Amino acid sequence: MKQSRNWLVLGLMAFGVAMRVLPYVLERYGLVSLTELSTYTWNVSPVPAMCLLGGAYFTSAWLGFGLGFAAFLFSDVLIGLVSGQPRFMFYSSLPFVYAGFILFGLIGLTLRGDKTPGRIIVTAFLSELAFFLLTNFGEWAVGNNQYPETFFGLLQCYAAAIPFWRNSLLGMCIYAPILFGLFALLEHRTTTGGLPERELELVRVRR
């Protein structure tokens, strides 16, 4: 099971990186325009769900928090290289964004021992809300004076970010059931026939 989980972890990281970098590759070849919302939907990404999953499942805190964080960091570097825009790698609100992904992992810790669908849904929503509040506060605080440094300016920043938050929630709704379902299946299986240990024992007794 440990080996299967390690391969799944690597696969998730590769998938998260690919999904973030792919739109910039497509734009480079003229297949999409990232400035046109009609041709590209921002923020529908597997990375937040990966961070939540890491906190919920991995016994190692470094692995749990690092899974999505590493995918985001590595994909940021690739995006900068593919697009030829270093500003995509280094931007003023970057510390808040990375702190937000660590926050996903911390919130995921609350799911340990109780990963029922209802708790996963509530936790996923609350983690997205926390990320939205934190990262957009950072954008308002250090975002090159794009919004007035007043409470009204902060509300303006939050209002402008709502469409992107909606897309992020959509991404969580798509990827969280897939990822948590995969890990629940992996957790349920054993190396002998995929039956839980208790059921295997009952089979042996019947024989």
Foldseek 3Di string as FASTA:
>chain_A
DVVVVVVVLVVVLVQQLCVLQVVLLCVVVPNADPVDCVGDQPQLGLLLLQLLVLLADDPDLCSNLVSSLVSVLVSQVSNCVSNVNCCSNPDQLVVQQSVLSSLSSVLSNVCHPPVDPVVLLVSSVVSLVVSLLRSLVSCCVGVPPPFPPDPVSSVVSSVVCVSSSVSNVVSCVPNNCVVVVVVVQVVQADPPPGHHPVVVVVVVVVD
